[in-house]
Structures are given as C-alpha cells and as structure tokens.
Amino acid sequence: MDGFTISSAKKFLETGSLDNKSIKLDPSQSTKDAGPSFADTLKEAVGNVNQLHLDSDKKMQELSTGKTDDIAGVMLAAEKADIALRAMVQVRNKIIDAYQEIMKMQV
C-alpha cells in the first residue's frame, strides 16, 4: 500500500524521518478516501436541528393536549432544540465571515 499511511506517519513521529519510498502522494487515492462533502455535512446538520425542533414541537403539543404530563421531558427537548439552533446560527455566521474574507482577497 503506497502513500502516507498510519504506520509511516507513526514512524515519522518517532524518528523524525522517512525513507523516500514510503511517501507517495496519489491524488486519486485521496479523493477515494475523502468523506462526505461539506455541503452534505451541512445538510445533515440542518436536518438534525430541524428534527430536534419537530420533536420539541410534538412533545409540546402532547403536553398541551394532555397526552403527557412529563414537563421535564418537554422542557429538555425544547432546550436541546434551542441550543442546537443557536449553535447552527453561530456556524452560519462563521461561514458567512469566512466567505466575506475570501471575497476580500486579491487574486
């Protein structure tokens, strides 16, 4: 197996050097091992936040109609949804800031 592997990385960290044979950058290998794209990760995160809000709304509706009397569970679901939304807004703000910073760069 060619390329910069776990064992060659470990050897590099231990000795501080590698033989030239063990490092071969293969661009086709890096695209195969790449995980989900940034867009897919972002869509999944938005979907998770949305699901938390839907669950919270369902629990609130059950409480208001008298189907449940678990006030602590309803409050916990509402707080989880609120915290997730606040975190998502902060991530959005950081993405917008990064985009604006990139747009300021001169080419």
N, C-alpha and C. Protein backbone atom coordinates (compact mmCIF):
# COMPACT_ATOMS: atom_id res chain seq x y z
N MET A 1 0.83 -1.17 0.00
CA MET A 1 0.00 0.00 0.00
C MET A 1 0.88 1.24 0.00
N ASP A 2 0.83 1.99 -1.06
CA ASP A 2 1.64 3.19 -1.19
C ASP A 2 0.94 4.37 -0.57
N GLY A 3 1.72 5.40 -0.27
CA GLY A 3 1.15 6.61 0.28
C GLY A 3 1.58 6.84 1.71
N PHE A 4 1.13 7.90 2.26
CA PHE A 4 1.43 8.27 3.63
C PHE A 4 0.42 7.57 4.52
N THR A 5 0.81 6.45 5.09
CA THR A 5 -0.09 5.62 5.87
C THR A 5 0.08 5.90 7.35
N ILE A 6 -0.76 5.25 8.15
CA ILE A 6 -0.69 5.40 9.60
C ILE A 6 0.67 4.94 10.11
N SER A 7 1.14 3.82 9.59
CA SER A 7 2.43 3.30 10.08
C SER A 7 3.59 4.22 9.68
N SER A 8 3.53 4.78 8.45
CA SER A 8 4.61 5.69 8.07
C SER A 8 4.52 6.99 8.85
N ALA A 9 3.29 7.44 9.18
CA ALA A 9 3.15 8.64 10.00
C ALA A 9 3.69 8.39 11.40
N LYS A 10 3.40 7.21 11.93
CA LYS A 10 3.90 6.87 13.26
C LYS A 10 5.43 6.81 13.26
N LYS A 11 5.99 6.23 12.19
CA LYS A 11 7.44 6.15 12.07
C LYS A 11 8.05 7.55 11.98
N PHE A 12 7.38 8.43 11.23
CA PHE A 12 7.85 9.80 11.10
C PHE A 12 7.85 10.51 12.45
N LEU A 13 6.78 10.32 13.23
CA LEU A 13 6.69 10.97 14.53
C LEU A 13 7.74 10.44 15.50
N GLU A 14 8.04 9.14 15.40
CA GLU A 14 9.01 8.55 16.31
C GLU A 14 10.44 8.90 15.94
N THR A 15 10.76 8.85 14.64
CA THR A 15 12.16 9.03 14.22
C THR A 15 12.45 10.41 13.65
N GLY A 16 11.43 11.08 13.15
CA GLY A 16 11.65 12.39 12.55
C GLY A 16 12.07 12.31 11.11
N SER A 17 12.12 11.11 10.54
CA SER A 17 12.47 10.98 9.13
C SER A 17 11.76 9.78 8.53
N LEU A 18 11.67 9.80 7.23
CA LEU A 18 11.06 8.71 6.47
C LEU A 18 11.96 8.40 5.28
N ASP A 19 11.93 7.17 4.83
CA ASP A 19 12.63 6.88 3.59
C ASP A 19 11.78 7.39 2.43
N ASN A 20 12.40 7.84 1.37
CA ASN A 20 11.71 8.46 0.25
C ASN A 20 10.68 7.53 -0.39
N LYS A 21 10.86 6.24 -0.22
CA LYS A 21 9.97 5.28 -0.83
C LYS A 21 8.56 5.30 -0.22
N SER A 22 8.47 5.60 1.05
CA SER A 22 7.20 5.45 1.74
C SER A 22 6.24 6.62 1.50
N ILE A 23 6.73 7.77 1.04
CA ILE A 23 5.83 8.89 0.79
C ILE A 23 5.60 9.02 -0.71
N LYS A 24 4.39 8.70 -1.10
CA LYS A 24 3.98 8.90 -2.48
C LYS A 24 2.57 9.46 -2.43
N LEU A 25 2.43 10.66 -2.91
CA LEU A 25 1.12 11.27 -2.90
C LEU A 25 0.39 10.87 -4.17
N ASP A 26 -0.72 10.20 -3.99
CA ASP A 26 -1.53 9.74 -5.10
C ASP A 26 -2.85 10.48 -5.04
N PRO A 27 -3.08 11.45 -5.92
CA PRO A 27 -4.32 12.24 -5.84
C PRO A 27 -5.58 11.40 -5.99
N SER A 28 -5.52 10.33 -6.74
CA SER A 28 -6.71 9.51 -6.92
C SER A 28 -7.08 8.81 -5.62
N GLN A 29 -6.09 8.47 -4.81
CA GLN A 29 -6.35 7.81 -3.53
C GLN A 29 -7.00 8.78 -2.55
N SER A 30 -6.59 10.03 -2.56
CA SER A 30 -7.15 10.99 -1.61
C SER A 30 -8.61 11.29 -1.92
N THR A 31 -9.01 11.25 -3.18
CA THR A 31 -10.42 11.50 -3.49
C THR A 31 -11.28 10.30 -3.14
N LYS A 32 -10.70 9.10 -3.19
CA LYS A 32 -11.47 7.91 -2.83
C LYS A 32 -11.74 7.88 -1.33
N ASP A 33 -10.75 8.28 -0.54
CA ASP A 33 -10.86 8.19 0.90
C ASP A 33 -11.52 9.41 1.52
N ALA A 34 -11.81 10.41 0.71
CA ALA A 34 -12.43 11.62 1.25
C ALA A 34 -13.84 11.29 1.73
N GLY A 35 -14.21 11.87 2.84
CA GLY A 35 -15.52 11.62 3.41
C GLY A 35 -16.59 12.41 2.68
N PRO A 36 -17.70 12.62 3.34
CA PRO A 36 -18.78 13.38 2.71
C PRO A 36 -18.35 14.82 2.46
N SER A 37 -18.97 15.43 1.48
CA SER A 37 -18.61 16.80 1.15
C SER A 37 -19.10 17.76 2.23
N PHE A 38 -18.61 18.97 2.18
CA PHE A 38 -19.01 19.99 3.14
C PHE A 38 -20.50 20.25 3.04
N ALA A 39 -21.02 20.29 1.82
CA ALA A 39 -22.45 20.54 1.62
C ALA A 39 -23.28 19.42 2.24
N ASP A 40 -22.84 18.17 2.07
CA ASP A 40 -23.58 17.05 2.66
C ASP A 40 -23.56 17.12 4.18
N THR A 41 -22.42 17.47 4.74
CA THR A 41 -22.30 17.59 6.19
C THR A 41 -23.20 18.71 6.71
N LEU A 42 -23.23 19.82 6.00
CA LEU A 42 -24.07 20.94 6.41
C LEU A 42 -25.55 20.58 6.31
N LYS A 43 -25.93 19.90 5.23
CA LYS A 43 -27.33 19.48 5.08
C LYS A 43 -27.74 18.53 6.20
N GLU A 44 -26.85 17.63 6.56
CA GLU A 44 -27.14 16.70 7.65
C GLU A 44 -27.31 17.44 8.98
N ALA A 45 -26.46 18.42 9.23
CA ALA A 45 -26.55 19.19 10.46
C ALA A 45 -27.86 19.98 10.52
N VAL A 46 -28.24 20.59 9.41
CA VAL A 46 -29.50 21.34 9.36
C VAL A 46 -30.67 20.39 9.57
N GLY A 47 -30.59 19.21 8.98
CA GLY A 47 -31.64 18.21 9.15
C GLY A 47 -31.77 17.76 10.60
N ASN A 48 -30.64 17.60 11.28
CA ASN A 48 -30.66 17.20 12.69
C ASN A 48 -31.29 18.30 13.56
N VAL A 49 -30.96 19.55 13.28
CA VAL A 49 -31.54 20.66 14.03
C VAL A 49 -33.04 20.71 13.78
N ASN A 50 -33.43 20.53 12.53
CA ASN A 50 -34.85 20.53 12.20
C ASN A 50 -35.59 19.41 12.92
N GLN A 51 -34.97 18.23 12.97
CA GLN A 51 -35.60 17.09 13.65
C GLN A 51 -35.76 17.36 15.15
N LEU A 52 -34.77 17.99 15.76
CA LEU A 52 -34.89 18.35 17.17
C LEU A 52 -36.06 19.31 17.41
N HIS A 53 -36.25 20.26 16.50
CA HIS A 53 -37.36 21.19 16.64
C HIS A 53 -38.70 20.50 16.43
N LEU A 54 -38.76 19.57 15.48
CA LEU A 54 -40.00 18.83 15.25
C LEU A 54 -40.36 17.98 16.47
N ASP A 55 -39.35 17.33 17.06
CA ASP A 55 -39.58 16.53 18.26
C ASP A 55 -40.05 17.41 19.43
N SER A 56 -39.43 18.57 19.56
CA SER A 56 -39.81 19.50 20.62
C SER A 56 -41.25 19.97 20.43
N ASP A 57 -41.61 20.32 19.21
CA ASP A 57 -42.99 20.75 18.93
C ASP A 57 -43.99 19.65 19.23
N LYS A 58 -43.63 18.43 18.87
CA LYS A 58 -44.53 17.29 19.11
C LYS A 58 -44.75 17.09 20.62
N LYS A 59 -43.66 17.17 21.37
CA LYS A 59 -43.78 16.99 22.83
C LYS A 59 -44.57 18.13 23.46
N MET A 60 -44.39 19.35 22.97
CA MET A 60 -45.17 20.48 23.49
C MET A 60 -46.66 20.30 23.17
N GLN A 61 -46.94 19.83 21.99
CA GLN A 61 -48.34 19.60 21.61
C GLN A 61 -48.95 18.50 22.48
N GLU A 62 -48.18 17.44 22.74
CA GLU A 62 -48.68 16.37 23.60
C GLU A 62 -48.94 16.88 25.02
N LEU A 63 -48.08 17.76 25.50
CA LEU A 63 -48.28 18.32 26.83
C LEU A 63 -49.51 19.22 26.88
N SER A 64 -49.67 20.03 25.84
CA SER A 64 -50.80 20.96 25.84
C SER A 64 -52.14 20.26 25.65
N THR A 65 -52.15 19.11 24.99
CA THR A 65 -53.41 18.37 24.81
C THR A 65 -53.66 17.39 25.93
N GLY A 66 -52.73 17.24 26.85
CA GLY A 66 -52.92 16.37 28.00
C GLY A 66 -52.54 14.92 27.76
N LYS A 67 -51.88 14.63 26.64
CA LYS A 67 -51.45 13.25 26.37
C LYS A 67 -50.28 12.83 27.23
N THR A 68 -49.54 13.79 27.75
CA THR A 68 -48.42 13.50 28.63
C THR A 68 -48.36 14.54 29.75
N ASP A 69 -47.73 14.17 30.83
CA ASP A 69 -47.54 15.13 31.92
C ASP A 69 -46.07 15.26 32.28
N ASP A 70 -45.19 14.89 31.34
CA ASP A 70 -43.74 14.94 31.54
C ASP A 70 -43.22 16.34 31.19
N ILE A 71 -43.38 17.26 32.11
CA ILE A 71 -42.96 18.64 31.87
C ILE A 71 -41.44 18.73 31.72
N ALA A 72 -40.73 17.95 32.51
CA ALA A 72 -39.26 17.98 32.43
C ALA A 72 -38.77 17.51 31.06
N GLY A 73 -39.39 16.47 30.53
CA GLY A 73 -39.01 15.97 29.21
C GLY A 73 -39.29 16.97 28.12
N VAL A 74 -40.42 17.67 28.24
CA VAL A 74 -40.77 18.69 27.26
C VAL A 74 -39.79 19.85 27.32
N MET A 75 -39.45 20.29 28.53
CA MET A 75 -38.50 21.39 28.67
C MET A 75 -37.11 21.00 28.18
N LEU A 76 -36.73 19.77 28.44
CA LEU A 76 -35.43 19.29 27.98
C LEU A 76 -35.37 19.27 26.46
N ALA A 77 -36.43 18.78 25.82
CA ALA A 77 -36.47 18.75 24.35
C ALA A 77 -36.44 20.16 23.78
N ALA A 78 -37.16 21.08 24.42
CA ALA A 78 -37.18 22.46 23.95
C ALA A 78 -35.80 23.11 24.08
N GLU A 79 -35.12 22.86 25.18
CA GLU A 79 -33.78 23.43 25.37
C GLU A 79 -32.77 22.84 24.41
N LYS A 80 -32.87 21.53 24.17
CA LYS A 80 -31.97 20.91 23.18
C LYS A 80 -32.15 21.55 21.81
N ALA A 81 -33.40 21.75 21.42
CA ALA A 81 -33.69 22.35 20.12
C ALA A 81 -33.18 23.79 20.07
N ASP A 82 -33.34 24.52 21.16
CA ASP A 82 -32.89 25.90 21.21
C ASP A 82 -31.36 26.00 21.13
N ILE A 83 -30.68 25.16 21.86
CA ILE A 83 -29.22 25.16 21.84
C ILE A 83 -28.69 24.75 20.47
N ALA A 84 -29.32 23.76 19.87
CA ALA A 84 -28.90 23.32 18.53
C ALA A 84 -29.10 24.44 17.51
N LEU A 85 -30.20 25.15 17.61
CA LEU A 85 -30.45 26.26 16.68
C LEU A 85 -29.44 27.38 16.89
N ARG A 86 -29.14 27.71 18.13
CA ARG A 86 -28.15 28.76 18.41
C ARG A 86 -26.77 28.37 17.87
N ALA A 87 -26.40 27.10 18.04
CA ALA A 87 -25.11 26.63 17.52
C ALA A 87 -25.10 26.70 16.00
N MET A 88 -26.21 26.33 15.36
CA MET A 88 -26.28 26.38 13.90
C MET A 88 -26.18 27.81 13.40
N VAL A 89 -26.78 28.75 14.11
CA VAL A 89 -26.68 30.16 13.72
C VAL A 89 -25.24 30.64 13.83
N GLN A 90 -24.54 30.22 14.87
CA GLN A 90 -23.14 30.60 15.01
C GLN A 90 -22.27 30.01 13.90
N VAL A 91 -22.55 28.77 13.53
CA VAL A 91 -21.82 28.15 12.41
C VAL A 91 -22.10 28.92 11.13
N ARG A 92 -23.36 29.28 10.92
CA ARG A 92 -23.72 30.06 9.73
C ARG A 92 -22.97 31.39 9.71
N ASN A 93 -22.91 32.04 10.85
CA ASN A 93 -22.20 33.32 10.93
C ASN A 93 -20.72 33.16 10.60
N LYS A 94 -20.10 32.09 11.09
CA LYS A 94 -18.69 31.84 10.80
C LYS A 94 -18.48 31.56 9.32
N ILE A 95 -19.40 30.83 8.72
CA ILE A 95 -19.29 30.53 7.28
C ILE A 95 -19.41 31.81 6.47
N ILE A 96 -20.34 32.67 6.84
CA ILE A 96 -20.51 33.94 6.13
C ILE A 96 -19.27 34.81 6.31
N ASP A 97 -18.72 34.86 7.51
CA ASP A 97 -17.50 35.64 7.74
C ASP A 97 -16.35 35.11 6.90
N ALA A 98 -16.21 33.80 6.83
CA ALA A 98 -15.14 33.20 6.02
C ALA A 98 -15.34 33.52 4.54
N TYR A 99 -16.57 33.44 4.07
CA TYR A 99 -16.87 33.76 2.67
C TYR A 99 -16.52 35.22 2.37
N GLN A 100 -16.91 36.12 3.26
CA GLN A 100 -16.62 37.53 3.05
C GLN A 100 -15.12 37.79 3.08
N GLU A 101 -14.41 37.09 3.93
CA GLU A 101 -12.94 37.25 3.99
C GLU A 101 -12.29 36.75 2.70
N ILE A 102 -12.79 35.66 2.17
CA ILE A 102 -12.26 35.14 0.91
C ILE A 102 -12.54 36.11 -0.23
N MET A 103 -13.72 36.70 -0.23
CA MET A 103 -14.08 37.64 -1.29
C MET A 103 -13.23 38.91 -1.23
N LYS A 104 -12.68 39.24 -0.09
CA LYS A 104 -11.82 40.43 0.05
C LYS A 104 -10.42 40.18 -0.51
N MET A 105 -10.05 38.90 -0.65
CA MET A 105 -8.70 38.58 -1.12
C MET A 105 -8.50 39.04 -2.56
N GLN A 106 -7.32 39.54 -2.82
CA GLN A 106 -6.98 39.94 -4.18
C GLN A 106 -6.34 38.77 -4.90
N VAL A 107 -6.75 38.59 -6.13
CA VAL A 107 -6.21 37.48 -6.93
C VAL A 107 -5.12 37.95 -7.83
